[in-house]
Structures are given as C-alpha cells and as structure tokens.
PDB file of N, CA and C in Angstrom:
ATOM      1  N   MET A   1     152.266  86.695 220.184  1.00  0.00           N
ATOM      2  CA  MET A   1     152.584  88.057 220.586  1.00  0.00           C
ATOM      3  C   MET A   1     152.308  89.022 219.441  1.00  0.00           C
ATOM      4  N   ALA A   2     152.136  90.247 219.797  1.00  0.00           N
ATOM      5  CA  ALA A   2     151.852  91.293 218.819  1.00  0.00           C
ATOM      6  C   ALA A   2     153.066  91.587 217.944  1.00  0.00           C
ATOM      7  N   ASP A   3     152.782  92.026 216.743  1.00  0.00           N
ATOM      8  CA  ASP A   3     153.833  92.406 215.797  1.00  0.00           C
ATOM      9  C   ASP A   3     154.513  93.684 216.292  1.00  0.00           C
ATOM     10  N   VAL A   4     155.832  93.653 216.395  1.00  0.00           N
ATOM     11  CA  VAL A   4     156.594  94.794 216.897  1.00  0.00           C
ATOM     12  C   VAL A   4     156.995  95.763 215.790  1.00  0.00           C
ATOM     13  N   THR A   5     156.748  95.370 214.535  1.00  0.00           N
ATOM     14  CA  THR A   5     157.245  96.141 213.394  1.00  0.00           C
ATOM     15  C   THR A   5     156.903  97.628 213.439  1.00  0.00           C
ATOM     16  N   PRO A   6     155.630  98.017 213.640  1.00  0.00           N
ATOM     17  CA  PRO A   6     155.335  99.462 213.633  1.00  0.00           C
ATOM     18  C   PRO A   6     156.102 100.250 214.690  1.00  0.00           C
ATOM     19  N   ASP A   7     156.228  99.676 215.891  1.00  0.00           N
ATOM     20  CA  ASP A   7     156.945 100.365 216.964  1.00  0.00           C
ATOM     21  C   ASP A   7     158.441 100.445 216.688  1.00  0.00           C
ATOM     22  N   VAL A   8     159.004  99.374 216.150  1.00  0.00           N
ATOM     23  CA  VAL A   8     160.436  99.370 215.823  1.00  0.00           C
ATOM     24  C   VAL A   8     160.711 100.389 214.718  1.00  0.00           C
ATOM     25  N   ILE A   9     159.868 100.415 213.704  1.00  0.00           N
ATOM     26  CA  ILE A   9     160.057 101.388 212.619  1.00  0.00           C
ATOM     27  C   ILE A   9     159.934 102.815 213.147  1.00  0.00           C
ATOM     28  N   ALA A  10     159.020 103.056 214.068  1.00  0.00           N
ATOM     29  CA  ALA A  10     158.876 104.399 214.655  1.00  0.00           C
ATOM     30  C   ALA A  10     160.139 104.804 215.410  1.00  0.00           C
ATOM     31  N   ILE A  11     160.739 103.866 216.133  1.00  0.00           N
ATOM     32  CA  ILE A  11     161.982 104.144 216.857  1.00  0.00           C
ATOM     33  C   ILE A  11     163.114 104.408 215.872  1.00  0.00           C
ATOM     34  N   ILE A  12     163.206 103.600 214.836  1.00  0.00           N
ATOM     35  CA  ILE A  12     164.238 103.805 213.819  1.00  0.00           C
ATOM     36  C   ILE A  12     164.045 105.148 213.135  1.00  0.00           C
ATOM     37  N   ALA A  13     162.809 105.508 212.847  1.00  0.00           N
ATOM     38  CA  ALA A  13     162.511 106.774 212.166  1.00  0.00           C
ATOM     39  C   ALA A  13     163.007 107.976 212.965  1.00  0.00           C
ATOM     40  N   ARG A  14     162.932 107.892 214.285  1.00  0.00           N
ATOM     41  CA  ARG A  14     163.402 109.013 215.122  1.00  0.00           C
ATOM     42  C   ARG A  14     164.905 109.227 214.992  1.00  0.00           C
ATOM     43  N   LYS A  15     165.628 108.179 214.611  1.00  0.00           N
ATOM     44  CA  LYS A  15     167.081 108.275 214.469  1.00  0.00           C
ATOM     45  C   LYS A  15     167.521 108.473 213.021  1.00  0.00           C
ATOM     46  N   ALA A  16     166.614 108.273 212.079  1.00  0.00           N
ATOM     47  CA  ALA A  16     166.936 108.387 210.654  1.00  0.00           C
ATOM     48  C   ALA A  16     167.069 109.845 210.234  1.00  0.00           C
ATOM     49  N   ALA A  17     167.710 110.040 209.089  1.00  0.00           N
ATOM     50  CA  ALA A  17     167.815 111.384 208.513  1.00  0.00           C
ATOM     51  C   ALA A  17     166.402 111.905 208.249  1.00  0.00           C
ATOM     52  N   PRO A  18     166.159 113.187 208.502  1.00  0.00           N
ATOM     53  CA  PRO A  18     164.804 113.741 208.366  1.00  0.00           C
ATOM     54  C   PRO A  18     164.127 113.439 207.028  1.00  0.00           C
ATOM     55  N   GLU A  19     164.872 113.487 205.950  1.00  0.00           N
ATOM     56  CA  GLU A  19     164.268 113.266 204.640  1.00  0.00           C
ATOM     57  C   GLU A  19     163.911 111.804 204.384  1.00  0.00           C
ATOM     58  N   LYS A  20     164.350 110.902 205.240  1.00  0.00           N
ATOM     59  CA  LYS A  20     164.099 109.466 205.068  1.00  0.00           C
ATOM     60  C   LYS A  20     162.997 108.939 205.982  1.00  0.00           C
ATOM     61  N   ARG A  21     162.557 109.720 206.945  1.00  0.00           N
ATOM     62  CA  ARG A  21     161.682 109.242 208.015  1.00  0.00           C
ATOM     63  C   ARG A  21     160.306 108.756 207.570  1.00  0.00           C
ATOM     64  N   ASP A  22     159.759 109.323 206.535  1.00  0.00           N
ATOM     65  CA  ASP A  22     158.389 108.994 206.147  1.00  0.00           C
ATOM     66  C   ASP A  22     158.260 107.765 205.257  1.00  0.00           C
ATOM     67  N   ALA A  23     159.347 107.230 204.766  1.00  0.00           N
ATOM     68  CA  ALA A  23     159.262 106.139 203.793  1.00  0.00           C
ATOM     69  C   ALA A  23     160.138 104.954 204.163  1.00  0.00           C
ATOM     70  N   ILE A  24     160.231 104.637 205.433  1.00  0.00           N
ATOM     71  CA  ILE A  24     161.089 103.537 205.870  1.00  0.00           C
ATOM     72  C   ILE A  24     160.411 102.200 205.566  1.00  0.00           C
ATOM     73  N   LYS A  25     161.185 101.321 204.933  1.00  0.00           N
ATOM     74  CA  LYS A  25     160.705  99.989 204.572  1.00  0.00           C
ATOM     75  C   LYS A  25     161.626  98.938 205.198  1.00  0.00           C
ATOM     76  N   PRO A  26     161.123  97.709 205.366  1.00  0.00           N
ATOM     77  CA  PRO A  26     161.928  96.660 205.999  1.00  0.00           C
ATOM     78  C   PRO A  26     163.272  96.399 205.324  1.00  0.00           C
ATOM     79  N   GLY A  27     163.356  96.530 204.031  1.00  0.00           N
ATOM     80  CA  GLY A  27     164.605  96.253 203.332  1.00  0.00           C
ATOM     81  C   GLY A  27     165.620  97.373 203.372  1.00  0.00           C
ATOM     82  N   ASP A  28     165.244  98.520 203.941  1.00  0.00           N
ATOM     83  CA  ASP A  28     166.162  99.660 204.003  1.00  0.00           C
ATOM     84  C   ASP A  28     167.343  99.367 204.913  1.00  0.00           C
ATOM     85  N   LYS A  29     168.521  99.738 204.456  1.00  0.00           N
ATOM     86  CA  LYS A  29     169.725  99.591 205.279  1.00  0.00           C
ATOM     87  C   LYS A  29     169.796 100.772 206.244  1.00  0.00           C
ATOM     88  N   LEU A  30     170.161 100.487 207.478  1.00  0.00           N
ATOM     89  CA  LEU A  30     170.259 101.544 208.484  1.00  0.00           C
ATOM     90  C   LEU A  30     171.230 102.623 208.039  1.00  0.00           C
ATOM     91  N   GLN A  31     172.324 102.212 207.446  1.00  0.00           N
ATOM     92  CA  GLN A  31     173.330 103.167 206.978  1.00  0.00           C
ATOM     93  C   GLN A  31     172.732 104.106 205.918  1.00  0.00           C
ATOM     94  N   ASP A  32     171.901 103.559 205.026  1.00  0.00           N
ATOM     95  CA  ASP A  32     171.268 104.378 203.989  1.00  0.00           C
ATOM     96  C   ASP A  32     170.246 105.352 204.569  1.00  0.00           C
ATOM     97  N   LEU A  33     169.755 105.055 205.761  1.00  0.00           N
ATOM     98  CA  LEU A  33     168.803 105.948 206.432  1.00  0.00           C
ATOM     99  C   LEU A  33     169.524 107.054 207.200  1.00  0.00           C
ATOM    100  N   GLY A  34     170.849 107.025 207.166  1.00  0.00           N
ATOM    101  CA  GLY A  34     171.635 108.046 207.851  1.00  0.00           C
ATOM    102  C   GLY A  34     171.881 107.732 209.314  1.00  0.00           C
ATOM    103  N   ILE A  35     171.693 106.488 209.700  1.00  0.00           N
ATOM    104  CA  ILE A  35     171.890 106.093 211.089  1.00  0.00           C
ATOM    105  C   ILE A  35     173.351 105.710 211.300  1.00  0.00           C
ATOM    106  N   GLU A  36     174.026 106.519 212.093  1.00  0.00           N
ATOM    107  CA  GLU A  36     175.436 106.305 212.435  1.00  0.00           C
ATOM    108  C   GLU A  36     175.512 105.424 213.681  1.00  0.00           C
ATOM    109  N   SER A  37     176.707 105.045 214.069  1.00  0.00           N
ATOM    110  CA  SER A  37     176.870 104.121 215.192  1.00  0.00           C
ATOM    111  C   SER A  37     176.275 104.651 216.494  1.00  0.00           C
ATOM    112  N   ILE A  38     176.436 105.932 216.785  1.00  0.00           N
ATOM    113  CA  ILE A  38     175.859 106.482 218.025  1.00  0.00           C
ATOM    114  C   ILE A  38     174.335 106.477 217.950  1.00  0.00           C
ATOM    115  N   ASP A  39     173.796 106.751 216.758  1.00  0.00           N
ATOM    116  CA  ASP A  39     172.341 106.698 216.574  1.00  0.00           C
ATOM    117  C   ASP A  39     171.829 105.279 216.800  1.00  0.00           C
ATOM    118  N   ALA A  40     172.572 104.300 216.278  1.00  0.00           N
ATOM    119  CA  ALA A  40     172.179 102.894 216.427  1.00  0.00           C
ATOM    120  C   ALA A  40     172.180 102.499 217.900  1.00  0.00           C
ATOM    121  N   LEU A  41     173.166 102.957 218.631  1.00  0.00           N
ATOM    122  CA  LEU A  41     173.243 102.643 220.053  1.00  0.00           C
ATOM    123  C   LEU A  41     172.055 103.248 220.796  1.00  0.00           C
ATOM    124  N   GLU A  42     171.731 104.494 220.501  1.00  0.00           N
ATOM    125  CA  GLU A  42     170.571 105.144 221.117  1.00  0.00           C
ATOM    126  C   GLU A  42     169.281 104.424 220.723  1.00  0.00           C
ATOM    127  N   MET A  43     169.204 103.979 219.475  1.00  0.00           N
ATOM    128  CA  MET A  43     168.043 103.252 218.986  1.00  0.00           C
ATOM    129  C   MET A  43     167.871 101.956 219.785  1.00  0.00           C
ATOM    130  N   ILE A  44     168.969 101.247 220.025  1.00  0.00           N
ATOM    131  CA  ILE A  44     168.919 100.007 220.796  1.00  0.00           C
ATOM    132  C   ILE A  44     168.429 100.287 222.212  1.00  0.00           C
ATOM    133  N   PHE A  45     168.917 101.349 222.832  1.00  0.00           N
ATOM    134  CA  PHE A  45     168.450 101.713 224.178  1.00  0.00           C
ATOM    135  C   PHE A  45     166.948 101.979 224.169  1.00  0.00           C
ATOM    136  N   ASP A  46     166.466 102.697 223.164  1.00  0.00           N
ATOM    137  CA  ASP A  46     165.036 103.005 223.053  1.00  0.00           C
ATOM    138  C   ASP A  46     164.210 101.731 222.882  1.00  0.00           C
ATOM    139  N   ILE A  47     164.712 100.810 222.070  1.00  0.00           N
ATOM    140  CA  ILE A  47     164.020  99.535 221.851  1.00  0.00           C
ATOM    141  C   ILE A  47     163.969  98.736 223.154  1.00  0.00           C
ATOM    142  N   GLU A  48     165.088  98.684 223.856  1.00  0.00           N
ATOM    143  CA  GLU A  48     165.132  97.946 225.120  1.00  0.00           C
ATOM    144  C   GLU A  48     164.131  98.516 226.113  1.00  0.00           C
ATOM    145  N   GLU A  49     164.055  99.827 226.182  1.00  0.00           N
ATOM    146  CA  GLU A  49     163.120 100.474 227.102  1.00  0.00           C
ATOM    147  C   GLU A  49     161.675 100.214 226.687  1.00  0.00           C
ATOM    148  N   LYS A  50     161.383 100.333 225.415  1.00  0.00           N
ATOM    149  CA  LYS A  50     160.012 100.163 224.904  1.00  0.00           C
ATOM    150  C   LYS A  50     159.490  98.752 225.139  1.00  0.00           C
ATOM    151  N   PHE A  51     160.312  97.749 224.863  1.00  0.00           N
ATOM    152  CA  PHE A  51     159.851  96.367 224.896  1.00  0.00           C
ATOM    153  C   PHE A  51     160.273  95.590 226.139  1.00  0.00           C
ATOM    154  N   GLY A  52     161.082  96.193 227.005  1.00  0.00           N
ATOM    155  CA  GLY A  52     161.516  95.514 228.216  1.00  0.00           C
ATOM    156  C   GLY A  52     162.392  94.301 227.942  1.00  0.00           C
ATOM    157  N   VAL A  53     163.249  94.430 226.941  1.00  0.00           N
ATOM    158  CA  VAL A  53     164.155  93.342 226.564  1.00  0.00           C
ATOM    159  C   VAL A  53     165.587  93.856 226.587  1.00  0.00           C
ATOM    160  N   GLN A  54     166.527  92.941 226.529  1.00  0.00           N
ATOM    161  CA  GLN A  54     167.932  93.322 226.411  1.00  0.00           C
ATOM    162  C   GLN A  54     168.426  92.838 225.054  1.00  0.00           C
ATOM    163  N   VAL A  55     168.807  93.778 224.212  1.00  0.00           N
ATOM    164  CA  VAL A  55     169.245  93.464 222.854  1.00  0.00           C
ATOM    165  C   VAL A  55     170.746  93.252 222.853  1.00  0.00           C
ATOM    166  N   PRO A  56     171.200  92.064 222.442  1.00  0.00           N
ATOM    167  CA  PRO A  56     172.644  91.834 222.349  1.00  0.00           C
ATOM    168  C   PRO A  56     173.185  92.566 221.121  1.00  0.00           C
ATOM    169  N   TYR A  57     173.847  93.679 221.344  1.00  0.00           N
ATOM    170  CA  TYR A  57     174.293  94.529 220.243  1.00  0.00           C
ATOM    171  C   TYR A  57     175.763  94.833 220.396  1.00  0.00           C
ATOM    172  N   ASN A  58     176.509  94.640 219.330  1.00  0.00           N
ATOM    173  CA  ASN A  58     177.931  94.953 219.309  1.00  0.00           C
ATOM    174  C   ASN A  58     178.128  96.137 218.372  1.00  0.00           C
ATOM    175  N   ALA A  59     178.445  97.289 218.906  1.00  0.00           N
ATOM    176  CA  ALA A  59     178.599  98.500 218.105  1.00  0.00           C
ATOM    177  C   ALA A  59     179.712  98.377 217.068  1.00  0.00           C
ATOM    178  N   ASN A  60     180.632  97.455 217.271  1.00  0.00           N
ATOM    179  CA  ASN A  60     181.730  97.267 216.326  1.00  0.00           C
ATOM    180  C   ASN A  60     181.372  96.355 215.164  1.00  0.00           C
ATOM    181  N   SER A  61     180.214  95.716 215.226  1.00  0.00           N
ATOM    182  CA  SER A  61     179.774  94.805 214.167  1.00  0.00           C
ATOM    183  C   SER A  61     178.568  95.394 213.460  1.00  0.00           C
ATOM    184  N   THR A  62     178.786  95.897 212.256  1.00  0.00           N
ATOM    185  CA  THR A  62     177.694  96.535 211.525  1.00  0.00           C
ATOM    186  C   THR A  62     176.831  95.524 210.779  1.00  0.00           C
ATOM    187  N   SER A  63     177.288  94.300 210.643  1.00  0.00           N
ATOM    188  CA  SER A  63     176.523  93.309 209.886  1.00  0.00           C
ATOM    189  C   SER A  63     175.376  92.712 210.695  1.00  0.00           C
ATOM    190  N   GLU A  64     175.427  92.815 212.006  1.00  0.00           N
ATOM    191  CA  GLU A  64     174.414  92.218 212.866  1.00  0.00           C
ATOM    192  C   GLU A  64     173.027  92.820 212.612  1.00  0.00           C
ATOM    193  N   PHE A  65     172.948  94.117 212.552  1.00  0.00           N
ATOM    194  CA  PHE A  65     171.701  94.827 212.291  1.00  0.00           C
ATOM    195  C   PHE A  65     171.931  95.743 211.115  1.00  0.00           C
ATOM    196  N   SER A  66     171.888  95.192 209.947  1.00  0.00           N
ATOM    197  CA  SER A  66     172.176  95.987 208.767  1.00  0.00           C
ATOM    198  C   SER A  66     170.926  96.632 208.171  1.00  0.00           C
ATOM    199  N   THR A  67     169.785  95.945 208.290  1.00  0.00           N
ATOM    200  CA  THR A  67     168.545  96.487 207.714  1.00  0.00           C
ATOM    201  C   THR A  67     167.475  96.657 208.787  1.00  0.00           C
ATOM    202  N   VAL A  68     166.430  97.362 208.414  1.00  0.00           N
ATOM    203  CA  VAL A  68     165.276  97.532 209.296  1.00  0.00           C
ATOM    204  C   VAL A  68     164.696  96.154 209.638  1.00  0.00           C
ATOM    205  N   ALA A  69     164.633  95.274 208.650  1.00  0.00           N
ATOM    206  CA  ALA A  69     164.101  93.926 208.873  1.00  0.00           C
ATOM    207  C   ALA A  69     164.953  93.139 209.867  1.00  0.00           C
ATOM    208  N   ASP A  70     166.265  93.321 209.838  1.00  0.00           N
ATOM    209  CA  ASP A  70     167.149  92.647 210.796  1.00  0.00           C
ATOM    210  C   ASP A  70     166.806  93.065 212.225  1.00  0.00           C
ATOM    211  N   VAL A  71     166.635  94.348 212.420  1.00  0.00           N
ATOM    212  CA  VAL A  71     166.314  94.870 213.750  1.00  0.00           C
ATOM    213  C   VAL A  71     164.951  94.360 214.192  1.00  0.00           C
ATOM    214  N   THR A  72     163.973  94.451 213.303  1.00  0.00           N
ATOM    215  CA  THR A  72     162.617  94.022 213.625  1.00  0.00           C
ATOM    216  C   THR A  72     162.575  92.535 213.985  1.00  0.00           C
ATOM    217  N   ALA A  73     163.248  91.710 213.200  1.00  0.00           N
ATOM    218  CA  ALA A  73     163.256  90.264 213.458  1.00  0.00           C
ATOM    219  C   ALA A  73     163.903  89.953 214.803  1.00  0.00           C
ATOM    220  N   ALA A  74     165.002  90.629 215.113  1.00  0.00           N
ATOM    221  CA  ALA A  74     165.693  90.391 216.382  1.00  0.00           C
ATOM    222  C   ALA A  74     164.812  90.790 217.566  1.00  0.00           C
ATOM    223  N   VAL A  75     164.147  91.939 217.444  1.00  0.00           N
ATOM    224  CA  VAL A  75     163.283  92.407 218.531  1.00  0.00           C
ATOM    225  C   VAL A  75     162.079  91.478 218.669  1.00  0.00           C
ATOM    226  N   GLN A  76     161.489  91.066 217.555  1.00  0.00           N
ATOM    227  CA  GLN A  76     160.340  90.159 217.611  1.00  0.00           C
ATOM    228  C   GLN A  76     160.712  88.861 218.315  1.00  0.00           C
ATOM    229  N   LYS A  77     161.888  88.337 217.995  1.00  0.00           N
ATOM    230  CA  LYS A  77     162.354  87.096 218.620  1.00  0.00           C
ATOM    231  C   LYS A  77     162.522  87.274 220.129  1.00  0.00           C
ATOM    232  N   LEU A  78     163.099  88.402 220.527  1.00  0.00           N
ATOM    233  CA  LEU A  78     163.287  88.672 221.956  1.00  0.00           C
ATOM    234  C   LEU A  78     161.949  88.835 222.671  1.00  0.00           C
ATOM    235  N   VAL A  79     161.037  89.564 222.053  1.00  0.00           N
ATOM    236  CA  VAL A  79     159.726  89.795 222.663  1.00  0.00           C
ATOM    237  C   VAL A  79     158.944  88.483 222.748  1.00  0.00           C
ATOM    238  N   ASP A  80     158.995  87.675 221.702  1.00  0.00           N
ATOM    239  CA  ASP A  80     158.280  86.395 221.705  1.00  0.00           C
ATOM    240  C   ASP A  80     158.839  85.435 222.753  1.00  0.00           C
ATOM    241  N   GLY A  81     160.131  85.543 223.038  1.00  0.00           N
ATOM    242  CA  GLY A  81     160.768  84.667 224.014  1.00  0.00           C
ATOM    243  C   GLY A  81     160.676  85.168 225.436  1.00  0.00           C
ATOM    244  N   LYS A  82     160.162  86.370 225.594  1.00  0.00           N
ATOM    245  CA  LYS A  82     160.051  86.989 226.913  1.00  0.00           C
ATOM    246  C   LYS A  82     158.890  86.353 227.668  1.00  0.00           C
ATOM    247  N   PRO A  83     159.090  85.989 228.909  1.00  0.00           N
ATOM    248  CA  PRO A  83     157.997  85.392 229.682  1.00  0.00           C
ATOM    249  C   PRO A  83     156.842  86.381 229.847  1.00  0.00           C
ATOM    250  N   ALA A  84     155.643  85.896 229.673  1.00  0.00           N
ATOM    251  CA  ALA A  84     154.447  86.740 229.847  1.00  0.00           C
ATOM    252  C   ALA A  84     154.304  87.064 231.330  1.00  0.00           C
ATOM    253  N   THR A  85     153.852  88.278 231.604  1.00  0.00           N
ATOM    254  CA  THR A  85     153.637  88.685 232.993  1.00  0.00           C
ATOM    255  C   THR A  85     152.143  88.761 233.242  1.00  0.00           C
ATOM    256  N   ALA A  86     151.753  88.462 234.430  1.00  0.00           N
ATOM    257  CA  ALA A  86     150.327  88.499 234.794  1.00  0.00           C
ATOM    258  C   ALA A  86     149.802  89.917 234.657  1.00  0.00           C
ATOM    259  N   GLY A  87     148.675  90.052 234.001  1.00  0.00           N
ATOM    260  CA  GLY A  87     148.047  91.354 233.862  1.00  0.00           C
ATOM    261  C   GLY A  87     148.646  92.218 232.795  1.00  0.00           C
ATOM    262  N   ALA A  88     149.482  91.679 231.918  1.00  0.00           N
ATOM    263  CA  ALA A  88     150.080  92.480 230.852  1.00  0.00           C
ATOM    264  C   ALA A  88     149.003  92.924 229.887  1.00  0.00           C
ATOM    265  N   ALA A  89     148.999  94.198 229.567  1.00  0.00           N
ATOM    266  CA  ALA A  89     147.944  94.765 228.721  1.00  0.00           C
ATOM    267  C   ALA A  89     148.310  94.760 227.242  1.00  0.00           C
ATOM    268  N   GLU A  90     149.569  94.661 226.912  1.00  0.00           N
ATOM    269  CA  GLU A  90     149.962  94.734 225.512  1.00  0.00           C
ATOM    270  C   GLU A  90     149.952  93.373 224.981  1.00  0.00           C
TER     271      GLU A  90
END
C-alpha cells in the first residue's frame, strides 16, 4: 500500500498552530504543535474520512497518539489491513 505519511502530515498541519505548520516532522509531539484534545478529535475524524478507516482513539488517553509518527504508524497499519476494493485507484 501507498505511504500515508504525506496525507497524515497534511491533516495534522491543518490542526497545528499556524507558526508550526510548515515544519512538521515525524518526531514532533502533537501537544508541541499546539494540538489540543478537540483538535485531535477533529484530526481523527478527518483521517477516518480521508482513508476510509476507523481509528480507535480515546480522547482521555494522550499517550496513544503522542507524536506525528504515532499517528502515521497507526493510520498506515489500518490502511494496510483494510481489504482492497475492486477498481480502487489509490
């Protein structure tokens, strides 16, 4: 399957503080990017819509998705485990 990293980073960037959006790296902590719990929830919804997956996310647990790499790895795993559909273009 295709690497989801660029798309996940783009989604995270939309929720990050404006001054942080252009330099997001995998090791960056979501909290350091200015992403609050409501932003994280919206980010998860955007990811689910973009990739057609359901992300198991607990808003009360901040350790689950602490860095950009954590989010990317979780989404990649979900996308890789998703059954291929006939005629899928991506």
